[in-house]
Amino acid sequence: MSEVRIHVSNMDAFFENATRDGARIDAGDFSLQPGEIAFESMDLLLKVLTANRWRLLRALKAAGTSSIRQLAHSLKRDYRGVHADVVALAEVGLIEKTAEGLVKVPWDRITAEMAITEAA
């Protein structure tokens, strides 16, 4: 199962994780690890992962690979708005484009961590 974890992280934590992962690989551990998408702040995470975009991700995962036009039709939304949302989600790695120009959600599970102690 492919999995990605979305969370808020600072640069220090990013480099600590990269160092840990590098040491794991250097030690010969090539086991599949869950993906991570880190945002600089809770504000940025919530700006990218809006309610409409979350619905879009769920609909696209359920539909499988799709065109943006088909996705917009299934969501009963206008093409331009869905296209803008797809672009934003693709920029952070939650959606991928196929060679044929279709879009898909490459993850079986997306987990968003939102710490109550993080400033919004």
N, C-alpha and C. Protein backbone atom coordinates (compact mmCIF):
# COMPACT_ATOMS: atom_id res chain seq x y z
N MET A 1 0.84 -1.18 0.00
CA MET A 1 0.00 0.00 0.00
C MET A 1 0.89 1.24 0.00
N SER A 2 0.62 2.17 -0.91
CA SER A 2 1.38 3.42 -0.94
C SER A 2 0.70 4.42 -0.02
N GLU A 3 1.51 5.06 0.79
CA GLU A 3 0.98 5.94 1.82
C GLU A 3 1.80 7.22 1.87
N VAL A 4 1.14 8.34 2.14
CA VAL A 4 1.83 9.61 2.31
C VAL A 4 1.28 10.29 3.56
N ARG A 5 2.17 10.92 4.28
CA ARG A 5 1.81 11.66 5.50
C ARG A 5 2.04 13.14 5.24
N ILE A 6 1.01 13.93 5.47
CA ILE A 6 1.08 15.39 5.31
C ILE A 6 1.19 15.99 6.70
N HIS A 7 2.15 16.90 6.87
CA HIS A 7 2.33 17.50 8.19
C HIS A 7 3.08 18.82 8.08
N VAL A 8 3.20 19.50 9.20
CA VAL A 8 3.95 20.75 9.28
C VAL A 8 5.32 20.42 9.85
N SER A 9 6.36 20.99 9.24
CA SER A 9 7.72 20.72 9.70
C SER A 9 8.61 21.91 9.41
N ASN A 10 9.63 22.08 10.22
CA ASN A 10 10.59 23.15 9.94
C ASN A 10 11.83 22.56 9.25
N MET A 11 12.72 23.42 8.81
CA MET A 11 13.90 22.97 8.06
C MET A 11 14.82 22.09 8.91
N ASP A 12 14.94 22.38 10.19
CA ASP A 12 15.79 21.55 11.06
C ASP A 12 15.28 20.11 11.09
N ALA A 13 13.97 19.94 11.25
CA ALA A 13 13.39 18.60 11.27
C ALA A 13 13.56 17.92 9.92
N PHE A 14 13.43 18.68 8.84
CA PHE A 14 13.63 18.12 7.50
C PHE A 14 15.02 17.52 7.37
N PHE A 15 16.05 18.28 7.76
CA PHE A 15 17.43 17.79 7.63
C PHE A 15 17.72 16.65 8.60
N GLU A 16 17.12 16.66 9.79
CA GLU A 16 17.28 15.54 10.72
C GLU A 16 16.71 14.26 10.10
N ASN A 17 15.54 14.37 9.50
CA ASN A 17 14.92 13.19 8.86
C ASN A 17 15.74 12.72 7.66
N ALA A 18 16.26 13.66 6.88
CA ALA A 18 17.07 13.28 5.72
C ALA A 18 18.35 12.58 6.17
N THR A 19 18.95 13.05 7.24
CA THR A 19 20.16 12.42 7.78
C THR A 19 19.84 11.01 8.29
N ARG A 20 18.73 10.87 9.00
CA ARG A 20 18.31 9.56 9.52
C ARG A 20 18.04 8.60 8.36
N ASP A 21 17.32 9.08 7.35
CA ASP A 21 17.00 8.22 6.21
C ASP A 21 18.25 7.84 5.42
N GLY A 22 19.18 8.78 5.29
CA GLY A 22 20.44 8.48 4.61
C GLY A 22 21.23 7.41 5.35
N ALA A 23 21.27 7.50 6.68
CA ALA A 23 21.97 6.49 7.48
C ALA A 23 21.29 5.13 7.34
N ARG A 24 19.96 5.11 7.29
CA ARG A 24 19.23 3.86 7.12
C ARG A 24 19.58 3.21 5.80
N ILE A 25 19.64 4.02 4.74
CA ILE A 25 19.98 3.50 3.41
C ILE A 25 21.43 3.05 3.37
N ASP A 26 22.33 3.84 3.97
CA ASP A 26 23.75 3.46 4.02
C ASP A 26 23.95 2.13 4.74
N ALA A 27 23.06 1.84 5.71
CA ALA A 27 23.16 0.60 6.46
C ALA A 27 22.55 -0.58 5.68
N GLY A 28 22.04 -0.30 4.49
CA GLY A 28 21.50 -1.37 3.65
C GLY A 28 20.00 -1.59 3.78
N ASP A 29 19.32 -0.73 4.51
CA ASP A 29 17.87 -0.86 4.67
C ASP A 29 17.18 -0.12 3.52
N PHE A 30 16.71 -0.87 2.54
CA PHE A 30 16.04 -0.28 1.38
C PHE A 30 14.53 -0.53 1.44
N SER A 31 14.01 -0.78 2.64
CA SER A 31 12.58 -1.06 2.78
C SER A 31 11.76 0.16 2.39
N LEU A 32 10.59 -0.11 1.85
CA LEU A 32 9.68 0.94 1.42
C LEU A 32 9.19 1.73 2.62
N GLN A 33 9.33 3.03 2.56
CA GLN A 33 8.91 3.91 3.64
C GLN A 33 7.73 4.76 3.15
N PRO A 34 6.84 5.14 4.05
CA PRO A 34 5.74 6.03 3.64
C PRO A 34 6.29 7.35 3.13
N GLY A 35 5.59 7.94 2.17
CA GLY A 35 5.98 9.26 1.68
C GLY A 35 5.65 10.33 2.70
N GLU A 36 6.28 11.47 2.57
CA GLU A 36 6.01 12.60 3.46
C GLU A 36 5.93 13.85 2.63
N ILE A 37 4.96 14.67 2.94
CA ILE A 37 4.85 16.00 2.35
C ILE A 37 4.76 16.96 3.53
N ALA A 38 5.77 17.80 3.65
CA ALA A 38 5.83 18.72 4.79
C ALA A 38 5.59 20.15 4.32
N PHE A 39 4.86 20.89 5.11
CA PHE A 39 4.58 22.29 4.85
C PHE A 39 5.27 23.14 5.91
N GLU A 40 5.63 24.36 5.55
CA GLU A 40 6.33 25.25 6.47
C GLU A 40 5.45 25.71 7.62
N SER A 41 4.14 25.77 7.39
CA SER A 41 3.23 26.26 8.42
C SER A 41 1.87 25.62 8.26
N MET A 42 1.08 25.68 9.33
CA MET A 42 -0.28 25.18 9.27
C MET A 42 -1.10 26.03 8.30
N ASP A 43 -0.83 27.33 8.24
CA ASP A 43 -1.53 28.20 7.28
C ASP A 43 -1.35 27.69 5.86
N LEU A 44 -0.13 27.36 5.49
CA LEU A 44 0.15 26.89 4.13
C LEU A 44 -0.50 25.53 3.87
N LEU A 45 -0.43 24.63 4.84
CA LEU A 45 -1.08 23.33 4.68
C LEU A 45 -2.57 23.50 4.42
N LEU A 46 -3.22 24.34 5.22
CA LEU A 46 -4.67 24.54 5.07
C LEU A 46 -5.01 25.33 3.81
N LYS A 47 -4.10 26.15 3.33
CA LYS A 47 -4.33 26.86 2.07
C LYS A 47 -4.30 25.88 0.89
N VAL A 48 -3.41 24.90 0.95
CA VAL A 48 -3.30 23.92 -0.13
C VAL A 48 -4.38 22.85 -0.01
N LEU A 49 -4.64 22.37 1.16
CA LEU A 49 -5.57 21.25 1.36
C LEU A 49 -6.93 21.78 1.82
N THR A 50 -7.64 22.45 0.91
CA THR A 50 -8.96 23.00 1.22
C THR A 50 -10.00 21.87 1.19
N ALA A 51 -11.19 22.18 1.64
CA ALA A 51 -12.27 21.18 1.63
C ALA A 51 -12.58 20.74 0.20
N ASN A 52 -12.65 21.68 -0.75
CA ASN A 52 -12.90 21.31 -2.15
C ASN A 52 -11.81 20.42 -2.70
N ARG A 53 -10.57 20.69 -2.36
CA ARG A 53 -9.46 19.88 -2.86
C ARG A 53 -9.46 18.50 -2.23
N TRP A 54 -9.85 18.41 -0.96
CA TRP A 54 -9.95 17.11 -0.32
C TRP A 54 -11.03 16.28 -0.99
N ARG A 55 -12.19 16.90 -1.31
CA ARG A 55 -13.26 16.21 -2.04
C ARG A 55 -12.76 15.77 -3.41
N LEU A 56 -11.99 16.63 -4.07
CA LEU A 56 -11.43 16.30 -5.38
C LEU A 56 -10.52 15.08 -5.29
N LEU A 57 -9.65 15.05 -4.30
CA LEU A 57 -8.76 13.90 -4.12
C LEU A 57 -9.56 12.61 -3.92
N ARG A 58 -10.58 12.67 -3.09
CA ARG A 58 -11.41 11.49 -2.83
C ARG A 58 -12.12 11.03 -4.09
N ALA A 59 -12.67 11.98 -4.85
CA ALA A 59 -13.39 11.63 -6.09
C ALA A 59 -12.44 11.05 -7.11
N LEU A 60 -11.25 11.64 -7.24
CA LEU A 60 -10.28 11.16 -8.22
C LEU A 60 -9.76 9.77 -7.83
N LYS A 61 -9.53 9.54 -6.56
CA LYS A 61 -9.08 8.22 -6.13
C LYS A 61 -10.15 7.17 -6.43
N ALA A 62 -11.41 7.52 -6.18
CA ALA A 62 -12.51 6.59 -6.44
C ALA A 62 -12.67 6.32 -7.94
N ALA A 63 -12.46 7.35 -8.76
CA ALA A 63 -12.64 7.21 -10.21
C ALA A 63 -11.46 6.53 -10.87
N GLY A 64 -10.30 6.62 -10.26
CA GLY A 64 -9.08 6.13 -10.91
C GLY A 64 -8.53 7.22 -11.82
N THR A 65 -7.73 6.86 -12.77
CA THR A 65 -7.14 7.83 -13.70
C THR A 65 -8.26 8.49 -14.50
N SER A 66 -8.18 9.82 -14.64
CA SER A 66 -9.27 10.57 -15.26
C SER A 66 -8.73 11.81 -15.95
N SER A 67 -9.55 12.36 -16.83
CA SER A 67 -9.23 13.67 -17.38
C SER A 67 -9.76 14.73 -16.42
N ILE A 68 -9.23 15.92 -16.49
CA ILE A 68 -9.71 17.00 -15.63
C ILE A 68 -11.17 17.32 -15.98
N ARG A 69 -11.50 17.27 -17.26
CA ARG A 69 -12.88 17.55 -17.69
C ARG A 69 -13.85 16.54 -17.07
N GLN A 70 -13.50 15.25 -17.11
CA GLN A 70 -14.35 14.22 -16.50
C GLN A 70 -14.47 14.44 -15.00
N LEU A 71 -13.36 14.81 -14.38
CA LEU A 71 -13.36 15.05 -12.94
C LEU A 71 -14.26 16.23 -12.59
N ALA A 72 -14.15 17.31 -13.35
CA ALA A 72 -15.00 18.48 -13.12
C ALA A 72 -16.47 18.11 -13.26
N HIS A 73 -16.79 17.32 -14.27
CA HIS A 73 -18.17 16.89 -14.49
C HIS A 73 -18.67 16.06 -13.31
N SER A 74 -17.87 15.12 -12.83
CA SER A 74 -18.30 14.27 -11.72
C SER A 74 -18.47 15.06 -10.42
N LEU A 75 -17.68 16.13 -10.27
CA LEU A 75 -17.78 16.96 -9.06
C LEU A 75 -18.82 18.07 -9.20
N LYS A 76 -19.38 18.21 -10.42
CA LYS A 76 -20.34 19.28 -10.71
C LYS A 76 -19.74 20.65 -10.43
N ARG A 77 -18.49 20.81 -10.89
CA ARG A 77 -17.76 22.07 -10.75
C ARG A 77 -17.28 22.52 -12.12
N ASP A 78 -16.92 23.80 -12.23
CA ASP A 78 -16.43 24.29 -13.52
C ASP A 78 -15.01 23.81 -13.76
N TYR A 79 -14.67 23.67 -15.03
CA TYR A 79 -13.37 23.13 -15.44
C TYR A 79 -12.22 23.96 -14.88
N ARG A 80 -12.31 25.29 -14.99
CA ARG A 80 -11.19 26.15 -14.56
C ARG A 80 -10.86 25.97 -13.08
N GLY A 81 -11.90 25.89 -12.25
CA GLY A 81 -11.66 25.71 -10.83
C GLY A 81 -11.02 24.37 -10.52
N VAL A 82 -11.51 23.31 -11.17
CA VAL A 82 -10.94 21.98 -10.96
C VAL A 82 -9.51 21.93 -11.49
N HIS A 83 -9.28 22.56 -12.64
CA HIS A 83 -7.92 22.59 -13.20
C HIS A 83 -6.96 23.27 -12.22
N ALA A 84 -7.37 24.40 -11.67
CA ALA A 84 -6.51 25.12 -10.71
C ALA A 84 -6.23 24.25 -9.48
N ASP A 85 -7.24 23.55 -9.01
CA ASP A 85 -7.04 22.67 -7.85
C ASP A 85 -6.11 21.50 -8.18
N VAL A 86 -6.27 20.93 -9.36
CA VAL A 86 -5.40 19.82 -9.77
C VAL A 86 -3.95 20.30 -9.85
N VAL A 87 -3.73 21.47 -10.42
CA VAL A 87 -2.37 22.02 -10.52
C VAL A 87 -1.77 22.20 -9.12
N ALA A 88 -2.54 22.78 -8.20
CA ALA A 88 -2.04 23.01 -6.84
C ALA A 88 -1.71 21.69 -6.14
N LEU A 89 -2.56 20.69 -6.30
CA LEU A 89 -2.32 19.39 -5.66
C LEU A 89 -1.17 18.64 -6.32
N ALA A 90 -1.00 18.82 -7.62
CA ALA A 90 0.13 18.19 -8.32
C ALA A 90 1.45 18.82 -7.89
N GLU A 91 1.44 20.13 -7.66
CA GLU A 91 2.67 20.82 -7.24
C GLU A 91 3.22 20.28 -5.93
N VAL A 92 2.34 19.83 -5.04
CA VAL A 92 2.82 19.30 -3.76
C VAL A 92 2.95 17.78 -3.76
N GLY A 93 2.57 17.12 -4.86
CA GLY A 93 2.78 15.68 -4.98
C GLY A 93 1.60 14.81 -4.60
N LEU A 94 0.42 15.39 -4.45
CA LEU A 94 -0.74 14.58 -4.10
C LEU A 94 -1.46 14.03 -5.33
N ILE A 95 -1.21 14.62 -6.49
CA ILE A 95 -1.76 14.16 -7.76
C ILE A 95 -0.62 14.05 -8.74
N GLU A 96 -0.69 13.04 -9.62
CA GLU A 96 0.31 12.88 -10.69
C GLU A 96 -0.39 12.93 -12.03
N LYS A 97 0.34 13.41 -13.04
CA LYS A 97 -0.13 13.38 -14.42
C LYS A 97 0.49 12.20 -15.12
N THR A 98 -0.31 11.53 -15.95
CA THR A 98 0.20 10.41 -16.73
C THR A 98 0.78 10.94 -18.03
N ALA A 99 1.47 10.08 -18.76
CA ALA A 99 2.04 10.46 -20.06
C ALA A 99 0.95 10.89 -21.03
N GLU A 100 -0.26 10.37 -20.84
CA GLU A 100 -1.38 10.71 -21.73
C GLU A 100 -2.06 12.01 -21.33
N GLY A 101 -1.60 12.66 -20.25
CA GLY A 101 -2.19 13.92 -19.81
C GLY A 101 -3.36 13.75 -18.85
N LEU A 102 -3.61 12.52 -18.41
CA LEU A 102 -4.66 12.27 -17.43
C LEU A 102 -4.08 12.47 -16.03
N VAL A 103 -4.95 12.52 -15.04
CA VAL A 103 -4.48 12.72 -13.66
C VAL A 103 -4.93 11.55 -12.80
N LYS A 104 -4.16 11.32 -11.72
CA LYS A 104 -4.49 10.24 -10.79
C LYS A 104 -3.91 10.57 -9.42
N VAL A 105 -4.46 9.92 -8.41
CA VAL A 105 -3.93 9.99 -7.05
C VAL A 105 -3.05 8.76 -6.88
N PRO A 106 -1.74 8.93 -6.71
CA PRO A 106 -0.84 7.77 -6.63
C PRO A 106 -0.85 7.10 -5.26
N TRP A 107 -1.56 7.66 -4.31
CA TRP A 107 -1.53 7.17 -2.93
C TRP A 107 -2.78 6.37 -2.62
N ASP A 108 -2.61 5.29 -1.88
CA ASP A 108 -3.75 4.53 -1.37
C ASP A 108 -4.27 5.14 -0.08
N ARG A 109 -3.38 5.79 0.64
CA ARG A 109 -3.75 6.40 1.92
C ARG A 109 -3.03 7.73 2.06
N ILE A 110 -3.80 8.76 2.44
CA ILE A 110 -3.24 10.08 2.73
C ILE A 110 -3.62 10.40 4.17
N THR A 111 -2.62 10.65 4.99
CA THR A 111 -2.86 10.98 6.39
C THR A 111 -2.37 12.41 6.63
N ALA A 112 -3.25 13.25 7.11
CA ALA A 112 -2.88 14.64 7.42
C ALA A 112 -2.77 14.79 8.93
N GLU A 113 -1.61 15.22 9.38
CA GLU A 113 -1.39 15.46 10.82
C GLU A 113 -1.48 16.95 11.06
N MET A 114 -2.34 17.32 12.00
CA MET A 114 -2.50 18.72 12.35
C MET A 114 -2.40 18.85 13.85
N ALA A 115 -1.28 19.35 14.33
CA ALA A 115 -1.05 19.47 15.77
C ALA A 115 -1.79 20.70 16.31
N ILE A 116 -2.51 20.50 17.36
CA ILE A 116 -3.27 21.59 17.99
C ILE A 116 -2.33 22.67 18.52
N THR A 117 -1.08 22.31 18.77
CA THR A 117 -0.12 23.27 19.31
C THR A 117 0.52 24.13 18.23
N GLU A 118 0.32 23.77 16.94
CA GLU A 118 0.89 24.56 15.85
C GLU A 118 0.11 25.85 15.69
N ALA A 119 0.82 26.93 15.49
CA ALA A 119 0.16 28.21 15.22
C ALA A 119 -0.46 28.15 13.83
N ALA A 120 -1.66 28.67 13.70
CA ALA A 120 -2.37 28.65 12.40
C ALA A 120 -1.90 29.68 11.45
